[in-house]
C-alpha atoms as a PDB file:
ATOM      1  CA  UNK A   1     -15.998  -0.817 -13.440  1.00  0.00           C
ATOM      2  CA  UNK A   2     -18.732  -2.410 -11.408  1.00  0.00           C
ATOM      3  CA  UNK A   3     -16.290  -3.809  -8.824  1.00  0.00           C
ATOM      4  CA  UNK A   4     -13.607  -2.354  -6.562  1.00  0.00           C
ATOM      5  CA  UNK A   5     -11.471  -5.431  -7.322  1.00  0.00           C
ATOM      6  CA  UNK A   6     -10.658  -3.928 -10.718  1.00  0.00           C
ATOM      7  CA  UNK A   7      -9.189  -0.758  -9.242  1.00  0.00           C
ATOM      8  CA  UNK A   8      -5.516  -1.672  -9.845  1.00  0.00           C
ATOM      9  CA  UNK A   9      -6.272  -2.430 -13.475  1.00  0.00           C
ATOM     10  CA  UNK A  10      -8.234   0.818 -13.779  1.00  0.00           C
ATOM     11  CA  UNK A  11      -5.299   2.730 -12.297  1.00  0.00           C
ATOM     12  CA  UNK A  12      -3.060   1.231 -14.998  1.00  0.00           C
ATOM     13  CA  UNK A  13      -5.516   2.334 -17.682  1.00  0.00           C
ATOM     14  CA  UNK A  14      -5.557   5.830 -16.203  1.00  0.00           C
ATOM     15  CA  UNK A  15      -1.752   6.038 -16.292  1.00  0.00           C
ATOM     16  CA  UNK A  16      -1.451   4.563 -19.773  1.00  0.00           C
ATOM     17  CA  UNK A  17      -4.266   6.373 -21.570  1.00  0.00           C
ATOM     18  CA  UNK A  18      -4.893   9.450 -19.365  1.00  0.00           C
ATOM     19  CA  UNK A  19      -8.578   8.564 -19.068  1.00  0.00           C
ATOM     20  CA  UNK A  20     -10.930   9.002 -16.132  1.00  0.00           C
ATOM     21  CA  UNK A  21     -11.743   5.787 -14.267  1.00  0.00           C
ATOM     22  CA  UNK A  22     -14.249   4.872 -11.583  1.00  0.00           C
ATOM     23  CA  UNK A  23     -14.951   1.691  -9.579  1.00  0.00           C
ATOM     24  CA  UNK A  24     -18.523   1.627  -8.305  1.00  0.00           C
ATOM     25  CA  UNK A  25     -18.160  -1.028  -5.624  1.00  0.00           C
ATOM     26  CA  UNK A  26     -21.165  -3.086  -6.673  1.00  0.00           C
ATOM     27  CA  UNK A  27     -23.909  -0.467  -6.679  1.00  0.00           C
ATOM     28  CA  UNK A  28     -23.759   3.104  -7.948  1.00  0.00           C
ATOM     29  CA  UNK A  29     -25.245   5.886  -5.890  1.00  0.00           C
ATOM     30  CA  UNK A  30     -26.437   9.306  -6.931  1.00  0.00           C
ATOM     31  CA  UNK A  31     -23.448  10.717  -5.008  1.00  0.00           C
ATOM     32  CA  UNK A  32     -21.025   8.616  -7.125  1.00  0.00           C
ATOM     33  CA  UNK A  33     -22.398  10.257 -10.243  1.00  0.00           C
ATOM     34  CA  UNK A  34     -22.551  13.734  -8.725  1.00  0.00           C
ATOM     35  CA  UNK A  35     -18.902  13.640  -7.557  1.00  0.00           C
ATOM     36  CA  UNK A  36     -17.811  12.098 -10.856  1.00  0.00           C
ATOM     37  CA  UNK A  37     -19.466  14.920 -12.830  1.00  0.00           C
ATOM     38  CA  UNK A  38     -18.064  17.527 -10.413  1.00  0.00           C
ATOM     39  CA  UNK A  39     -14.547  16.184 -11.079  1.00  0.00           C
ATOM     40  CA  UNK A  40     -15.111  16.397 -14.830  1.00  0.00           C
ATOM     41  CA  UNK A  41     -16.328  19.987 -14.543  1.00  0.00           C
ATOM     42  CA  UNK A  42     -13.362  20.863 -12.299  1.00  0.00           C
ATOM     43  CA  UNK A  43     -11.104  19.737 -15.164  1.00  0.00           C
ATOM     44  CA  UNK A  44     -12.860  22.303 -17.386  1.00  0.00           C
ATOM     45  CA  UNK A  45     -14.420  19.679 -19.624  1.00  0.00           C
ATOM     46  CA  UNK A  46     -17.713  20.719 -21.199  1.00  0.00           C
ATOM     47  CA  UNK A  47     -20.591  18.407 -20.319  1.00  0.00           C
ATOM     48  CA  UNK A  48     -22.010  19.074 -23.802  1.00  0.00           C
ATOM     49  CA  UNK A  49     -19.269  17.079 -25.522  1.00  0.00           C
ATOM     50  CA  UNK A  50     -19.530  13.353 -26.276  1.00  0.00           C
ATOM     51  CA  UNK A  51     -18.465  10.936 -23.543  1.00  0.00           C
ATOM     52  CA  UNK A  52     -17.372   7.348 -24.147  1.00  0.00           C
ATOM     53  CA  UNK A  53     -17.745   4.804 -21.344  1.00  0.00           C
ATOM     54  CA  UNK A  54     -16.018   1.422 -21.401  1.00  0.00           C
ATOM     55  CA  UNK A  55     -17.868  -0.816 -18.975  1.00  0.00           C
ATOM     56  CA  UNK A  56     -16.343  -3.729 -17.044  1.00  0.00           C
ATOM     57  CA  UNK A  57     -19.216  -5.390 -15.242  1.00  0.00           C
ATOM     58  CA  UNK A  58     -20.807  -8.794 -14.841  1.00  0.00           C
ATOM     59  CA  UNK A  59     -22.678 -10.004 -17.907  1.00  0.00           C
ATOM     60  CA  UNK A  60     -25.973 -10.628 -16.140  1.00  0.00           C
ATOM     61  CA  UNK A  61     -29.154  -8.676 -15.313  1.00  0.00           C
ATOM     62  CA  UNK A  62     -27.731  -7.196 -12.097  1.00  0.00           C
ATOM     63  CA  UNK A  63     -24.529  -6.033 -13.810  1.00  0.00           C
ATOM     64  CA  UNK A  64     -26.514  -4.289 -16.518  1.00  0.00           C
ATOM     65  CA  UNK A  65     -28.885  -2.690 -14.009  1.00  0.00           C
ATOM     66  CA  UNK A  66     -25.863  -1.235 -12.178  1.00  0.00           C
ATOM     67  CA  UNK A  67     -24.385   0.074 -15.444  1.00  0.00           C
ATOM     68  CA  UNK A  68     -27.687   1.598 -16.580  1.00  0.00           C
ATOM     69  CA  UNK A  69     -28.323   3.210 -13.181  1.00  0.00           C
ATOM     70  CA  UNK A  70     -24.912   4.909 -13.280  1.00  0.00           C
ATOM     71  CA  UNK A  71     -25.417   6.192 -16.844  1.00  0.00           C
ATOM     72  CA  UNK A  72     -28.915   7.450 -15.975  1.00  0.00           C
ATOM     73  CA  UNK A  73     -27.505   9.269 -12.931  1.00  0.00           C
ATOM     74  CA  UNK A  74     -24.846  10.882 -15.141  1.00  0.00           C
ATOM     75  CA  UNK A  75     -27.563  12.080 -17.509  1.00  0.00           C
ATOM     76  CA  UNK A  76     -29.388  13.585 -14.529  1.00  0.00           C
ATOM     77  CA  UNK A  77     -26.255  15.601 -13.707  1.00  0.00           C
ATOM     78  CA  UNK A  78     -25.758  16.887 -17.237  1.00  0.00           C
ATOM     79  CA  UNK A  79     -23.895  14.248 -19.267  1.00  0.00           C
ATOM     80  CA  UNK A  80     -26.423  13.761 -22.062  1.00  0.00           C
ATOM     81  CA  UNK A  81     -24.189  12.444 -24.869  1.00  0.00           C
ATOM     82  CA  UNK A  82     -22.937   9.144 -23.465  1.00  0.00           C
ATOM     83  CA  UNK A  83     -21.961   6.115 -25.516  1.00  0.00           C
ATOM     84  CA  UNK A  84     -21.338   2.854 -23.632  1.00  0.00           C
ATOM     85  CA  UNK A  85     -19.095   0.018 -24.794  1.00  0.00           C
ATOM     86  CA  UNK A  86     -19.560  -3.224 -22.860  1.00  0.00           C
ATOM     87  CA  UNK A  87     -16.259  -5.070 -22.488  1.00  0.00           C
ATOM     88  CA  UNK A  88     -17.660  -8.185 -20.801  1.00  0.00           C
ATOM     89  CA  UNK A  89     -19.785 -10.272 -23.149  1.00  0.00           C
ATOM     90  CA  UNK A  90     -19.756 -13.817 -24.554  1.00  0.00           C
ATOM     91  CA  UNK A  91     -17.864 -12.913 -27.736  1.00  0.00           C
ATOM     92  CA  UNK A  92     -14.840 -11.989 -25.600  1.00  0.00           C
ATOM     93  CA  UNK A  93     -14.469 -15.709 -24.766  1.00  0.00           C
ATOM     94  CA  UNK A  94     -14.277 -18.987 -26.637  1.00  0.00           C
ATOM     95  CA  UNK A  95     -17.191 -21.451 -26.293  1.00  0.00           C
ATOM     96  CA  UNK A  96     -15.005 -23.650 -24.068  1.00  0.00           C
ATOM     97  CA  UNK A  97     -14.130 -20.710 -21.808  1.00  0.00           C
ATOM     98  CA  UNK A  98     -17.792 -19.759 -21.547  1.00  0.00           C
ATOM     99  CA  UNK A  99     -18.832 -23.266 -20.513  1.00  0.00           C
ATOM    100  CA  UNK A 100     -16.090 -23.303 -17.850  1.00  0.00           C
ATOM    101  CA  UNK A 101     -16.809 -19.882 -16.392  1.00  0.00           C
ATOM    102  CA  UNK A 102     -20.559 -19.332 -16.794  1.00  0.00           C
ATOM    103  CA  UNK A 103     -22.857 -19.309 -13.752  1.00  0.00           C
ATOM    104  CA  UNK A 104     -26.625 -19.835 -13.531  1.00  0.00           C
ATOM    105  CA  UNK A 105     -28.635 -16.631 -13.288  1.00  0.00           C
ATOM    106  CA  UNK A 106     -31.187 -16.799 -10.456  1.00  0.00           C
ATOM    107  CA  UNK A 107     -34.723 -17.453 -11.660  1.00  0.00           C
ATOM    108  CA  UNK A 108     -38.067 -17.151  -9.915  1.00  0.00           C
ATOM    109  CA  UNK A 109     -41.022 -14.766  -9.909  1.00  0.00           C
ATOM    110  CA  UNK A 110     -39.011 -11.786  -8.586  1.00  0.00           C
ATOM    111  CA  UNK A 111     -36.370 -12.183 -11.330  1.00  0.00           C
ATOM    112  CA  UNK A 112     -38.654 -13.044 -14.248  1.00  0.00           C
ATOM    113  CA  UNK A 113     -39.146  -9.506 -15.605  1.00  0.00           C
ATOM    114  CA  UNK A 114     -35.503  -8.476 -15.056  1.00  0.00           C
ATOM    115  CA  UNK A 115     -34.270 -11.595 -16.808  1.00  0.00           C
ATOM    116  CA  UNK A 116     -36.723 -11.148 -19.681  1.00  0.00           C
ATOM    117  CA  UNK A 117     -35.644  -7.533 -20.299  1.00  0.00           C
ATOM    118  CA  UNK A 118     -31.957  -8.420 -20.043  1.00  0.00           C
ATOM    119  CA  UNK A 119     -32.291 -11.339 -22.464  1.00  0.00           C
ATOM    120  CA  UNK A 120     -34.154  -9.142 -24.970  1.00  0.00           C
ATOM    121  CA  UNK A 121     -31.426  -6.479 -24.723  1.00  0.00           C
ATOM    122  CA  UNK A 122     -28.465  -8.830 -25.119  1.00  0.00           C
ATOM    123  CA  UNK A 123     -30.209 -10.807 -27.871  1.00  0.00           C
ATOM    124  CA  UNK A 124     -30.592  -7.601 -29.897  1.00  0.00           C
ATOM    125  CA  UNK A 125     -26.793  -7.257 -29.886  1.00  0.00           C
ATOM    126  CA  UNK A 126     -26.436 -10.556 -31.742  1.00  0.00           C
ATOM    127  CA  UNK A 127     -23.465 -11.964 -29.839  1.00  0.00           C
ATOM    128  CA  UNK A 128     -22.364 -15.094 -31.718  1.00  0.00           C
ATOM    129  CA  UNK A 129     -21.583 -16.941 -28.467  1.00  0.00           C
ATOM    130  CA  UNK A 130     -24.793 -15.990 -26.656  1.00  0.00           C
ATOM    131  CA  UNK A 131     -26.147 -19.453 -27.453  1.00  0.00           C
ATOM    132  CA  UNK A 132     -23.793 -20.872 -24.789  1.00  0.00           C
ATOM    133  CA  UNK A 133     -25.552 -18.820 -22.114  1.00  0.00           C
ATOM    134  CA  UNK A 134     -29.127 -19.890 -22.908  1.00  0.00           C
ATOM    135  CA  UNK A 135     -30.465 -23.430 -22.490  1.00  0.00           C
ATOM    136  CA  UNK A 136     -33.954 -24.563 -23.414  1.00  0.00           C
ATOM    137  CA  UNK A 137     -35.014 -27.665 -21.466  1.00  0.00           C
ATOM    138  CA  UNK A 138     -38.534 -28.969 -21.034  1.00  0.00           C
ATOM    139  CA  UNK A 139     -40.061 -25.779 -22.393  1.00  0.00           C
ATOM    140  CA  UNK A 140     -38.156 -23.675 -19.854  1.00  0.00           C
ATOM    141  CA  UNK A 141     -35.324 -21.243 -20.515  1.00  0.00           C
ATOM    142  CA  UNK A 142     -32.276 -21.384 -18.262  1.00  0.00           C
ATOM    143  CA  UNK A 143     -29.972 -18.362 -18.394  1.00  0.00           C
ATOM    144  CA  UNK A 144     -26.291 -18.126 -17.524  1.00  0.00           C
ATOM    145  CA  UNK A 145     -24.108 -15.129 -16.867  1.00  0.00           C
ATOM    146  CA  UNK A 146     -20.414 -14.278 -16.868  1.00  0.00           C
ATOM    147  CA  UNK A 147     -18.489 -12.569 -14.106  1.00  0.00           C
ATOM    148  CA  UNK A 148     -16.305  -9.673 -15.183  1.00  0.00           C
ATOM    149  CA  UNK A 149     -13.251 -11.612 -14.014  1.00  0.00           C
ATOM    150  CA  UNK A 150     -13.903 -14.256 -16.703  1.00  0.00           C
ATOM    151  CA  UNK A 151     -12.214 -12.000 -19.278  1.00  0.00           C
ATOM    152  CA  UNK A 152      -8.464 -11.550 -18.807  1.00  0.00           C
ATOM    153  CA  UNK A 153      -6.907  -8.102 -18.599  1.00  0.00           C
ATOM    154  CA  UNK A 154      -4.807  -8.996 -21.662  1.00  0.00           C
ATOM    155  CA  UNK A 155      -8.013  -9.509 -23.641  1.00  0.00           C
ATOM    156  CA  UNK A 156      -9.496  -6.314 -22.225  1.00  0.00           C
ATOM    157  CA  UNK A 157      -6.349  -4.430 -23.277  1.00  0.00           C
ATOM    158  CA  UNK A 158      -6.633  -5.794 -26.816  1.00  0.00           C
ATOM    159  CA  UNK A 159     -10.303  -4.795 -27.046  1.00  0.00           C
ATOM    160  CA  UNK A 160      -9.614  -1.325 -25.649  1.00  0.00           C
ATOM    161  CA  UNK A 161      -6.824  -0.874 -28.200  1.00  0.00           C
ATOM    162  CA  UNK A 162      -9.363  -1.679 -30.901  1.00  0.00           C
ATOM    163  CA  UNK A 163     -12.269   0.483 -29.723  1.00  0.00           C
ATOM    164  CA  UNK A 164     -10.795   3.164 -27.431  1.00  0.00           C
ATOM    165  CA  UNK A 165      -7.608   4.295 -29.144  1.00  0.00           C
ATOM    166  CA  UNK A 166      -9.401   5.522 -32.289  1.00  0.00           C
ATOM    167  CA  UNK A 167     -11.394   7.830 -30.013  1.00  0.00           C
ATOM    168  CA  UNK A 168      -8.312   8.986 -28.090  1.00  0.00           C
ATOM    169  CA  UNK A 169      -5.866   9.115 -30.994  1.00  0.00           C
ATOM    170  CA  UNK A 170      -2.362   7.712 -30.925  1.00  0.00           C
ATOM    171  CA  UNK A 171       0.039   8.455 -28.085  1.00  0.00           C
ATOM    172  CA  UNK A 172       1.883  10.928 -30.314  1.00  0.00           C
ATOM    173  CA  UNK A 173      -1.319  12.775 -31.147  1.00  0.00           C
ATOM    174  CA  UNK A 174      -2.274  12.989 -27.471  1.00  0.00           C
ATOM    175  CA  UNK A 175       1.181  14.250 -26.587  1.00  0.00           C
ATOM    176  CA  UNK A 176       0.960  17.001 -29.229  1.00  0.00           C
ATOM    177  CA  UNK A 177      -2.450  18.079 -27.928  1.00  0.00           C
ATOM    178  CA  UNK A 178      -1.138  18.084 -24.368  1.00  0.00           C
ATOM    179  CA  UNK A 179       1.873  20.179 -25.362  1.00  0.00           C
ATOM    180  CA  UNK A 180      -0.275  22.619 -27.356  1.00  0.00           C
ATOM    181  CA  UNK A 181      -2.586  23.041 -24.395  1.00  0.00           C
ATOM    182  CA  UNK A 182       0.400  23.730 -22.122  1.00  0.00           C
ATOM    183  CA  UNK A 183       1.888  26.129 -24.674  1.00  0.00           C
ATOM    184  CA  UNK A 184      -1.406  28.004 -24.945  1.00  0.00           C
ATOM    185  CA  UNK A 185      -1.550  28.393 -21.163  1.00  0.00           C
ATOM    186  CA  UNK A 186       2.081  29.575 -21.034  1.00  0.00           C
ATOM    187  CA  UNK A 187       1.383  32.224 -23.729  1.00  0.00           C
ATOM    188  CA  UNK A 188      -1.646  33.485 -21.774  1.00  0.00           C
ATOM    189  CA  UNK A 189       0.444  33.772 -18.599  1.00  0.00           C
ATOM    190  CA  UNK A 190       3.214  35.618 -20.481  1.00  0.00           C
ATOM    191  CA  UNK A 191       0.736  38.115 -21.956  1.00  0.00           C
ATOM    192  CA  UNK A 192      -0.825  38.694 -18.525  1.00  0.00           C
ATOM    193  CA  UNK A 193       2.631  39.177 -17.007  1.00  0.00           C
ATOM    194  CA  UNK A 194       3.618  41.710 -19.715  1.00  0.00           C
ATOM    195  CA  UNK A 195       0.372  43.639 -19.251  1.00  0.00           C
ATOM    196  CA  UNK A 196       0.745  43.819 -15.468  1.00  0.00           C
ATOM    197  CA  UNK A 197       4.527  44.493 -15.579  1.00  0.00           C
ATOM    198  CA  UNK A 198       5.053  46.878 -18.523  1.00  0.00           C
ATOM    199  CA  UNK A 199       8.439  48.095 -17.241  1.00  0.00           C
ATOM    200  CA  UNK A 200      10.073  44.644 -17.356  1.00  0.00           C
END
């Protein structure tokens, strides 16, 4: 998540799905990524596997810059196979909800290139409701964004159930894998004990 305000919700996701969560606090640093990768390695997870990131951040140029900076930092520290799913976008809301919650994206010379790149990126994703975030008036384009808080946690849960659970497997499948992993560790410890204590 881009914001610390989502931490309670992230903690719930961690408990429910046994996934790793991180709240960046508005701007990722290289240290965020380094510590995050160190924690993954400490859990004996290979950095060569595929990683799936479910992003909760503002739908605006700054939110996407923060997301991209974090992913680029992860790649620097060895996570090369990263797939990102953006959970905050206009198709998560109705047109009425978008019009109520949208905010104008700052314009001006310093924002022109950022806004242009962001609009090109989001337009390529063909969100059906993107038209409610772009206004053409007098030959000028006015852009709007959405704060992450515009999408309810209930809607986020529903979307995560749709796109995350197929990657994780059902609860029963995860439980079986967890138990098999524990069983494998217990067998290793028993063999080591028998080898080091042959008289018992």
